[in-house]
Amino acid sequence: MTTIRRIKKTIKSRLTTEGAGVRLKRAFGFDHTPQLDPFLLLDDFHSDNPEDYVAGFPWHPHRGMETITYILKGKVLHEDSLGHKGEIGPGDVQWMTAGSGIIHQEMPEGEKDGALWGLQLWSNLPASYKMMGRGTRKSSRRKSGSLAGPWGKIQGHLRGSQ
């Protein structure tokens, strides 16, 4: 039997600036974090104006958490302290496990018309996993409709894309 849960609260996103000056909307992550554990924040970076995002997110550290990045338009160039480099493009998902600590950068690039649109979710790792190994996994819509890892498998469709 399916249990239908009621919506407890609606949260309006807030405009904020992150990284080296990226303008974005934060759906949650200010004072809502305790109610949404293990999720720490959800950001929507969406603009047709490169000045809103071109400064990017230069080298910065993370520890004890995971970031999940999904790109709808444009791309993000990602590089980390483990030597991984890559591009996250439309329909791609990147899952970065910071674990015991990682330094990385994310540098957005819009499409020819300047459009960039992506989402990033931060998830807190349980205490027993905070010092786990570090790394990144990427799933491309061009290769697969799912993302798999030790936590399980995510699969589905969004706006006609797998």
N, C-alpha and C. Protein backbone atom coordinates (compact mmCIF):
# COMPACT_ATOMS: atom_id res chain seq x y z
N MET A 1 0.83 -1.18 0.00
CA MET A 1 0.00 0.00 0.00
C MET A 1 0.88 1.25 0.00
N THR A 2 0.55 2.21 -0.85
CA THR A 2 1.31 3.45 -0.97
C THR A 2 0.86 4.44 0.10
N THR A 3 1.83 5.01 0.78
CA THR A 3 1.54 6.04 1.76
C THR A 3 1.80 7.39 1.14
N ILE A 4 0.81 8.25 1.18
CA ILE A 4 0.97 9.60 0.65
C ILE A 4 1.31 10.52 1.80
N ARG A 5 2.46 11.20 1.66
CA ARG A 5 2.88 12.12 2.71
C ARG A 5 2.49 13.55 2.34
N ARG A 6 2.13 14.31 3.34
CA ARG A 6 1.74 15.70 3.12
C ARG A 6 2.98 16.58 3.09
N ILE A 7 2.89 17.65 2.32
CA ILE A 7 3.96 18.64 2.31
C ILE A 7 3.91 19.41 3.62
N LYS A 8 5.05 19.43 4.34
CA LYS A 8 5.10 20.09 5.64
C LYS A 8 5.40 21.58 5.51
N LYS A 9 6.23 21.93 4.53
CA LYS A 9 6.66 23.32 4.42
C LYS A 9 7.12 23.60 3.00
N THR A 10 6.83 24.77 2.51
CA THR A 10 7.33 25.23 1.22
C THR A 10 8.41 26.27 1.50
N ILE A 11 9.55 26.11 0.86
CA ILE A 11 10.67 27.03 1.08
C ILE A 11 10.93 27.79 -0.22
N LYS A 12 10.97 29.10 -0.15
CA LYS A 12 11.26 29.94 -1.32
C LYS A 12 12.77 30.10 -1.44
N SER A 13 13.30 29.89 -2.64
CA SER A 13 14.73 30.04 -2.85
C SER A 13 15.15 31.50 -2.64
N ARG A 14 16.42 31.68 -2.31
CA ARG A 14 16.98 33.01 -2.09
C ARG A 14 18.15 33.24 -3.03
N LEU A 15 18.25 34.45 -3.53
CA LEU A 15 19.41 34.82 -4.34
C LEU A 15 20.62 34.93 -3.43
N THR A 16 21.75 34.41 -3.89
CA THR A 16 22.98 34.52 -3.12
C THR A 16 24.15 34.49 -4.10
N THR A 17 25.34 34.76 -3.61
CA THR A 17 26.57 34.73 -4.41
C THR A 17 27.52 33.75 -3.77
N GLU A 18 28.11 32.88 -4.58
CA GLU A 18 29.06 31.88 -4.08
C GLU A 18 30.32 31.88 -4.96
N GLY A 19 31.31 31.12 -4.52
CA GLY A 19 32.56 31.02 -5.28
C GLY A 19 33.22 32.37 -5.43
N ALA A 20 33.64 32.68 -6.66
CA ALA A 20 34.31 33.95 -6.94
C ALA A 20 33.34 35.00 -7.46
N GLY A 21 32.04 34.80 -7.17
CA GLY A 21 31.05 35.78 -7.59
C GLY A 21 29.93 35.21 -8.44
N VAL A 22 29.66 33.92 -8.33
CA VAL A 22 28.58 33.30 -9.10
C VAL A 22 27.24 33.63 -8.44
N ARG A 23 26.35 34.18 -9.24
CA ARG A 23 25.00 34.49 -8.75
C ARG A 23 24.14 33.26 -8.95
N LEU A 24 23.45 32.85 -7.88
CA LEU A 24 22.62 31.65 -7.96
C LEU A 24 21.45 31.76 -7.02
N LYS A 25 20.54 30.81 -7.13
CA LYS A 25 19.41 30.71 -6.22
C LYS A 25 19.64 29.51 -5.32
N ARG A 26 19.56 29.72 -4.02
CA ARG A 26 19.71 28.63 -3.05
C ARG A 26 18.32 28.22 -2.60
N ALA A 27 17.93 27.01 -2.97
CA ALA A 27 16.60 26.50 -2.60
C ALA A 27 16.53 26.23 -1.10
N PHE A 28 17.60 25.66 -0.56
CA PHE A 28 17.71 25.51 0.89
C PHE A 28 19.17 25.40 1.24
N GLY A 29 19.48 25.63 2.51
CA GLY A 29 20.86 25.56 2.95
C GLY A 29 21.24 26.67 3.90
N PHE A 30 20.33 27.58 4.16
CA PHE A 30 20.60 28.63 5.12
C PHE A 30 20.22 28.10 6.50
N ASP A 31 19.03 28.40 6.94
CA ASP A 31 18.59 27.96 8.26
C ASP A 31 17.72 26.71 8.22
N HIS A 32 17.59 26.07 7.07
CA HIS A 32 16.73 24.90 6.93
C HIS A 32 17.46 23.57 7.11
N THR A 33 18.78 23.60 7.15
CA THR A 33 19.58 22.39 7.14
C THR A 33 19.18 21.35 8.19
N PRO A 34 18.96 21.72 9.46
CA PRO A 34 18.60 20.69 10.44
C PRO A 34 17.33 19.92 10.09
N GLN A 35 16.39 20.57 9.43
CA GLN A 35 15.13 19.91 9.08
C GLN A 35 15.28 18.99 7.87
N LEU A 36 16.35 19.15 7.09
CA LEU A 36 16.50 18.41 5.84
C LEU A 36 17.66 17.42 5.86
N ASP A 37 18.25 17.20 7.03
CA ASP A 37 19.38 16.28 7.18
C ASP A 37 19.05 14.95 6.50
N PRO A 38 19.92 14.40 5.66
CA PRO A 38 21.34 14.69 5.49
C PRO A 38 21.66 15.74 4.43
N PHE A 39 20.65 16.40 3.85
CA PHE A 39 20.93 17.36 2.78
C PHE A 39 21.35 18.69 3.37
N LEU A 40 22.42 19.25 2.82
CA LEU A 40 22.99 20.48 3.34
C LEU A 40 22.55 21.71 2.56
N LEU A 41 22.50 21.58 1.23
CA LEU A 41 22.04 22.70 0.42
C LEU A 41 21.66 22.21 -0.97
N LEU A 42 20.87 23.04 -1.65
CA LEU A 42 20.50 22.81 -3.05
C LEU A 42 20.58 24.15 -3.75
N ASP A 43 21.47 24.24 -4.74
CA ASP A 43 21.67 25.47 -5.51
C ASP A 43 21.21 25.29 -6.94
N ASP A 44 20.63 26.36 -7.49
CA ASP A 44 20.20 26.43 -8.88
C ASP A 44 20.97 27.57 -9.52
N PHE A 45 21.92 27.25 -10.41
CA PHE A 45 22.65 28.30 -11.11
C PHE A 45 22.12 28.32 -12.54
N HIS A 46 21.43 29.42 -12.88
CA HIS A 46 20.67 29.51 -14.11
C HIS A 46 20.73 30.95 -14.62
N SER A 47 21.41 31.17 -15.74
CA SER A 47 21.53 32.52 -16.27
C SER A 47 21.87 32.48 -17.76
N ASP A 48 21.46 33.52 -18.45
CA ASP A 48 21.86 33.73 -19.85
C ASP A 48 22.97 34.76 -19.94
N ASN A 49 23.40 35.28 -18.79
CA ASN A 49 24.41 36.32 -18.73
C ASN A 49 25.71 35.75 -18.14
N PRO A 50 26.75 35.59 -18.98
CA PRO A 50 28.02 35.02 -18.48
C PRO A 50 28.61 35.77 -17.28
N GLU A 51 28.32 37.05 -17.14
CA GLU A 51 28.85 37.80 -15.99
C GLU A 51 28.32 37.25 -14.67
N ASP A 52 27.19 36.54 -14.72
CA ASP A 52 26.61 35.96 -13.50
C ASP A 52 27.35 34.71 -13.03
N TYR A 53 28.16 34.09 -13.91
CA TYR A 53 28.77 32.81 -13.52
C TYR A 53 30.22 32.61 -13.97
N VAL A 54 30.75 33.45 -14.85
CA VAL A 54 32.06 33.19 -15.45
C VAL A 54 33.20 33.11 -14.42
N ALA A 55 33.08 33.78 -13.29
CA ALA A 55 34.14 33.74 -12.27
C ALA A 55 34.27 32.36 -11.65
N GLY A 56 33.19 31.59 -11.68
CA GLY A 56 33.23 30.19 -11.26
C GLY A 56 33.49 29.97 -9.78
N PHE A 57 33.92 28.75 -9.52
CA PHE A 57 34.20 28.28 -8.15
C PHE A 57 35.64 27.79 -8.12
N PRO A 58 36.61 28.73 -7.99
CA PRO A 58 38.03 28.32 -7.99
C PRO A 58 38.34 27.37 -6.84
N TRP A 59 39.55 26.86 -6.82
CA TRP A 59 39.98 25.84 -5.86
C TRP A 59 39.45 26.10 -4.46
N HIS A 60 38.78 25.07 -3.90
CA HIS A 60 38.25 25.14 -2.54
C HIS A 60 38.12 23.71 -2.01
N PRO A 61 38.14 23.55 -0.68
CA PRO A 61 38.09 22.21 -0.07
C PRO A 61 36.68 21.76 0.32
N HIS A 62 36.52 20.46 0.41
CA HIS A 62 35.33 19.83 1.00
C HIS A 62 35.80 18.63 1.82
N ARG A 63 35.02 18.28 2.83
CA ARG A 63 35.33 17.10 3.64
C ARG A 63 34.04 16.58 4.28
N GLY A 64 33.91 15.25 4.33
CA GLY A 64 32.79 14.64 5.04
C GLY A 64 31.44 14.77 4.37
N MET A 65 31.44 15.00 3.06
CA MET A 65 30.19 15.22 2.34
C MET A 65 30.30 14.75 0.90
N GLU A 66 29.18 14.84 0.19
CA GLU A 66 29.16 14.55 -1.24
C GLU A 66 28.45 15.69 -1.96
N THR A 67 28.89 15.98 -3.18
CA THR A 67 28.20 16.95 -4.02
C THR A 67 27.69 16.21 -5.25
N ILE A 68 26.46 16.53 -5.63
CA ILE A 68 25.85 15.92 -6.81
C ILE A 68 25.50 17.08 -7.74
N THR A 69 26.11 17.11 -8.92
CA THR A 69 25.93 18.20 -9.87
C THR A 69 25.24 17.68 -11.12
N TYR A 70 24.18 18.37 -11.54
CA TYR A 70 23.43 18.01 -12.74
C TYR A 70 23.37 19.24 -13.64
N ILE A 71 23.76 19.08 -14.90
CA ILE A 71 23.80 20.20 -15.85
C ILE A 71 22.70 20.03 -16.90
N LEU A 72 21.94 21.10 -17.11
CA LEU A 72 20.90 21.12 -18.14
C LEU A 72 21.35 21.89 -19.38
N LYS A 73 22.08 23.01 -19.20
CA LYS A 73 22.57 23.82 -20.32
C LYS A 73 23.98 24.28 -19.99
N GLY A 74 24.81 24.40 -21.03
CA GLY A 74 26.19 24.81 -20.84
C GLY A 74 27.03 23.66 -20.33
N LYS A 75 28.12 23.99 -19.65
CA LYS A 75 28.98 22.94 -19.10
C LYS A 75 29.77 23.49 -17.91
N VAL A 76 30.30 22.58 -17.12
CA VAL A 76 31.16 22.93 -16.00
C VAL A 76 32.43 22.11 -16.14
N LEU A 77 33.57 22.79 -16.14
CA LEU A 77 34.86 22.11 -16.17
C LEU A 77 35.26 21.84 -14.72
N HIS A 78 35.52 20.57 -14.41
CA HIS A 78 35.82 20.16 -13.04
C HIS A 78 37.22 19.61 -12.97
N GLU A 79 37.94 19.95 -11.92
CA GLU A 79 39.29 19.44 -11.69
C GLU A 79 39.45 19.27 -10.18
N ASP A 80 40.17 18.20 -9.76
CA ASP A 80 40.35 18.01 -8.32
C ASP A 80 41.79 17.67 -7.97
N SER A 81 42.07 17.65 -6.67
CA SER A 81 43.42 17.43 -6.16
C SER A 81 43.90 15.99 -6.34
N LEU A 82 43.04 15.11 -6.80
CA LEU A 82 43.44 13.73 -7.09
C LEU A 82 43.89 13.57 -8.54
N GLY A 83 43.84 14.67 -9.30
CA GLY A 83 44.28 14.64 -10.70
C GLY A 83 43.16 14.39 -11.70
N HIS A 84 41.93 14.29 -11.23
CA HIS A 84 40.80 14.09 -12.15
C HIS A 84 40.44 15.40 -12.82
N LYS A 85 40.19 15.35 -14.13
CA LYS A 85 39.72 16.51 -14.89
C LYS A 85 38.58 16.04 -15.76
N GLY A 86 37.59 16.87 -15.94
CA GLY A 86 36.50 16.48 -16.81
C GLY A 86 35.52 17.60 -17.05
N GLU A 87 34.60 17.32 -17.95
CA GLU A 87 33.56 18.27 -18.33
C GLU A 87 32.20 17.66 -17.99
N ILE A 88 31.36 18.43 -17.34
CA ILE A 88 29.99 18.01 -17.05
C ILE A 88 29.10 18.82 -17.99
N GLY A 89 28.45 18.16 -18.93
CA GLY A 89 27.64 18.85 -19.93
C GLY A 89 26.16 18.56 -19.77
N PRO A 90 25.34 19.06 -20.69
CA PRO A 90 23.89 18.88 -20.59
C PRO A 90 23.49 17.41 -20.44
N GLY A 91 22.71 17.13 -19.41
CA GLY A 91 22.25 15.77 -19.14
C GLY A 91 23.22 14.94 -18.32
N ASP A 92 24.39 15.48 -18.01
CA ASP A 92 25.40 14.75 -17.23
C ASP A 92 25.19 14.99 -15.74
N VAL A 93 25.55 13.98 -14.95
CA VAL A 93 25.55 14.06 -13.49
C VAL A 93 26.95 13.72 -13.01
N GLN A 94 27.47 14.51 -12.10
CA GLN A 94 28.74 14.18 -11.45
C GLN A 94 28.48 14.05 -9.96
N TRP A 95 29.00 12.95 -9.38
CA TRP A 95 28.86 12.67 -7.96
C TRP A 95 30.27 12.70 -7.38
N MET A 96 30.56 13.69 -6.54
CA MET A 96 31.89 13.80 -5.94
C MET A 96 31.79 13.45 -4.45
N THR A 97 32.55 12.48 -4.03
CA THR A 97 32.64 12.11 -2.63
C THR A 97 33.88 12.77 -2.05
N ALA A 98 33.68 13.71 -1.13
CA ALA A 98 34.81 14.40 -0.52
C ALA A 98 35.46 13.53 0.55
N GLY A 99 34.66 12.72 1.25
CA GLY A 99 35.21 11.81 2.27
C GLY A 99 36.22 12.49 3.17
N SER A 100 37.45 11.95 3.20
CA SER A 100 38.48 12.45 4.10
C SER A 100 39.05 13.80 3.67
N GLY A 101 38.64 14.31 2.54
CA GLY A 101 39.05 15.65 2.12
C GLY A 101 39.50 15.70 0.68
N ILE A 102 39.03 16.71 -0.03
CA ILE A 102 39.40 16.90 -1.43
C ILE A 102 39.38 18.40 -1.71
N ILE A 103 40.24 18.83 -2.59
CA ILE A 103 40.24 20.22 -3.06
C ILE A 103 39.87 20.15 -4.54
N HIS A 104 38.95 21.00 -4.96
CA HIS A 104 38.53 20.96 -6.36
C HIS A 104 38.11 22.34 -6.84
N GLN A 105 37.90 22.45 -8.15
CA GLN A 105 37.35 23.67 -8.71
C GLN A 105 36.33 23.30 -9.78
N GLU A 106 35.33 24.19 -9.92
CA GLU A 106 34.29 24.03 -10.93
C GLU A 106 34.19 25.35 -11.67
N MET A 107 34.44 25.31 -12.96
CA MET A 107 34.45 26.53 -13.76
C MET A 107 33.39 26.43 -14.86
N PRO A 108 32.29 27.17 -14.71
CA PRO A 108 31.18 27.09 -15.66
C PRO A 108 31.48 27.80 -16.98
N GLU A 109 30.91 27.25 -18.05
CA GLU A 109 30.95 27.86 -19.37
C GLU A 109 29.56 27.74 -19.98
N GLY A 110 29.04 28.85 -20.46
CA GLY A 110 27.70 28.83 -21.05
C GLY A 110 27.72 28.31 -22.48
N GLU A 111 26.53 28.14 -23.02
CA GLU A 111 26.39 27.77 -24.42
C GLU A 111 26.70 29.00 -25.28
N LYS A 112 26.65 28.88 -26.60
CA LYS A 112 26.98 30.00 -27.49
C LYS A 112 26.13 31.23 -27.21
N ASP A 113 24.87 31.03 -26.81
CA ASP A 113 23.99 32.16 -26.49
C ASP A 113 24.18 32.65 -25.04
N GLY A 114 25.13 32.06 -24.32
CA GLY A 114 25.41 32.46 -22.94
C GLY A 114 24.67 31.66 -21.88
N ALA A 115 23.76 30.78 -22.29
CA ALA A 115 22.92 30.06 -21.34
C ALA A 115 23.70 29.03 -20.52
N LEU A 116 23.48 29.07 -19.23
CA LEU A 116 24.03 28.07 -18.30
C LEU A 116 22.91 27.72 -17.33
N TRP A 117 22.76 26.41 -17.06
CA TRP A 117 21.75 26.01 -16.08
C TRP A 117 22.20 24.69 -15.46
N GLY A 118 22.32 24.71 -14.18
CA GLY A 118 22.70 23.50 -13.45
C GLY A 118 22.16 23.51 -12.03
N LEU A 119 22.19 22.36 -11.42
CA LEU A 119 21.76 22.19 -10.04
C LEU A 119 22.87 21.48 -9.28
N GLN A 120 23.05 21.84 -8.03
CA GLN A 120 24.01 21.11 -7.19
C GLN A 120 23.40 20.87 -5.82
N LEU A 121 23.45 19.62 -5.39
CA LEU A 121 22.94 19.19 -4.09
C LEU A 121 24.13 18.75 -3.25
N TRP A 122 24.19 19.18 -2.00
CA TRP A 122 25.20 18.74 -1.07
C TRP A 122 24.55 17.80 -0.08
N SER A 123 25.20 16.66 0.16
CA SER A 123 24.69 15.66 1.10
C SER A 123 25.76 15.37 2.15
N ASN A 124 25.36 15.41 3.40
CA ASN A 124 26.26 15.13 4.52
C ASN A 124 26.45 13.61 4.63
N LEU A 125 27.67 13.16 4.78
CA LEU A 125 27.93 11.74 4.98
C LEU A 125 27.69 11.36 6.44
N PRO A 126 27.21 10.14 6.69
CA PRO A 126 27.09 9.67 8.08
C PRO A 126 28.47 9.67 8.74
N ALA A 127 28.50 9.82 10.05
CA ALA A 127 29.76 9.91 10.79
C ALA A 127 30.72 8.77 10.44
N SER A 128 30.21 7.56 10.27
CA SER A 128 31.07 6.41 9.99
C SER A 128 31.69 6.46 8.58
N TYR A 129 31.22 7.35 7.71
CA TYR A 129 31.75 7.46 6.34
C TYR A 129 32.51 8.75 6.09
N LYS A 130 32.58 9.62 7.06
CA LYS A 130 33.20 10.93 6.84
C LYS A 130 34.67 10.85 6.43
N MET A 131 35.37 9.81 6.84
CA MET A 131 36.79 9.68 6.48
C MET A 131 37.01 8.65 5.37
N MET A 132 35.96 8.32 4.63
CA MET A 132 36.07 7.34 3.56
C MET A 132 36.90 7.89 2.40
N GLY A 133 37.18 7.06 1.42
CA GLY A 133 37.94 7.46 0.25
C GLY A 133 37.26 8.59 -0.50
N ARG A 134 38.06 9.25 -1.35
CA ARG A 134 37.58 10.39 -2.11
C ARG A 134 37.53 10.04 -3.58
N GLY A 135 36.72 10.75 -4.32
CA GLY A 135 36.71 10.53 -5.75
C GLY A 135 35.48 11.10 -6.41
N THR A 136 35.42 10.93 -7.73
CA THR A 136 34.28 11.42 -8.51
C THR A 136 33.77 10.31 -9.42
N ARG A 137 32.47 10.37 -9.68
CA ARG A 137 31.84 9.47 -10.65
C ARG A 137 30.99 10.34 -11.55
N LYS A 138 30.96 10.00 -12.82
CA LYS A 138 30.17 10.77 -13.76
C LYS A 138 29.29 9.83 -14.55
N SER A 139 28.06 10.26 -14.78
CA SER A 139 27.15 9.53 -15.65
C SER A 139 26.73 10.48 -16.75
N SER A 140 26.88 10.05 -17.99
CA SER A 140 26.51 10.87 -19.12
C SER A 140 25.22 10.36 -19.73
N ARG A 141 24.30 11.24 -20.04
CA ARG A 141 23.05 10.81 -20.66
C ARG A 141 23.32 10.18 -22.02
N ARG A 142 24.48 10.51 -22.58
CA ARG A 142 24.82 9.95 -23.89
C ARG A 142 25.22 8.48 -23.78
N LYS A 143 25.57 8.05 -22.56
CA LYS A 143 26.03 6.68 -22.36
C LYS A 143 25.02 5.82 -21.60
N SER A 144 24.31 6.43 -20.66
CA SER A 144 23.48 5.63 -19.77
C SER A 144 22.42 6.50 -19.12
N GLY A 145 21.33 5.89 -18.72
CA GLY A 145 20.28 6.60 -18.02
C GLY A 145 20.36 6.37 -16.52
N SER A 146 21.51 5.96 -16.02
CA SER A 146 21.61 5.68 -14.59
C SER A 146 22.99 6.04 -14.05
N LEU A 147 23.04 6.20 -12.75
CA LEU A 147 24.28 6.45 -12.05
C LEU A 147 24.35 5.44 -10.92
N ALA A 148 25.40 4.66 -10.87
CA ALA A 148 25.50 3.60 -9.86
C ALA A 148 26.76 3.77 -9.02
N GLY A 149 26.66 3.37 -7.78
CA GLY A 149 27.79 3.44 -6.86
C GLY A 149 27.51 2.58 -5.65
N PRO A 150 28.34 2.67 -4.61
CA PRO A 150 28.14 1.84 -3.43
C PRO A 150 26.85 2.13 -2.68
N TRP A 151 26.25 3.29 -2.93
CA TRP A 151 25.02 3.71 -2.28
C TRP A 151 23.80 3.18 -3.00
N GLY A 152 23.96 2.60 -4.18
CA GLY A 152 22.83 2.09 -4.94
C GLY A 152 22.84 2.61 -6.36
N LYS A 153 21.65 2.73 -6.95
CA LYS A 153 21.54 3.14 -8.34
C LYS A 153 20.43 4.17 -8.49
N ILE A 154 20.71 5.23 -9.25
CA ILE A 154 19.72 6.24 -9.56
C ILE A 154 19.43 6.12 -11.05
N GLN A 155 18.16 6.07 -11.41
CA GLN A 155 17.80 5.93 -12.81
C GLN A 155 16.49 6.65 -13.05
N GLY A 156 16.36 7.28 -14.21
CA GLY A 156 15.11 7.93 -14.50
C GLY A 156 15.19 8.89 -15.67
N HIS A 157 14.11 9.62 -15.88
CA HIS A 157 13.97 10.56 -16.99
C HIS A 157 13.69 11.94 -16.46
N LEU A 158 14.21 12.98 -17.15
CA LEU A 158 13.89 14.36 -16.85
C LEU A 158 13.75 15.08 -18.17
N ARG A 159 12.58 15.60 -18.42
CA ARG A 159 12.30 16.35 -19.64
C ARG A 159 12.72 15.58 -20.88
N GLY A 160 12.38 14.32 -20.93
CA GLY A 160 12.65 13.52 -22.10
C GLY A 160 14.04 12.94 -22.19
N SER A 161 14.93 13.33 -21.29
CA SER A 161 16.29 12.78 -21.29
C SER A 161 16.39 11.70 -20.24
N GLN A 162 17.19 10.67 -20.52
CA GLN A 162 17.42 9.65 -19.50
C GLN A 162 18.51 10.12 -18.58
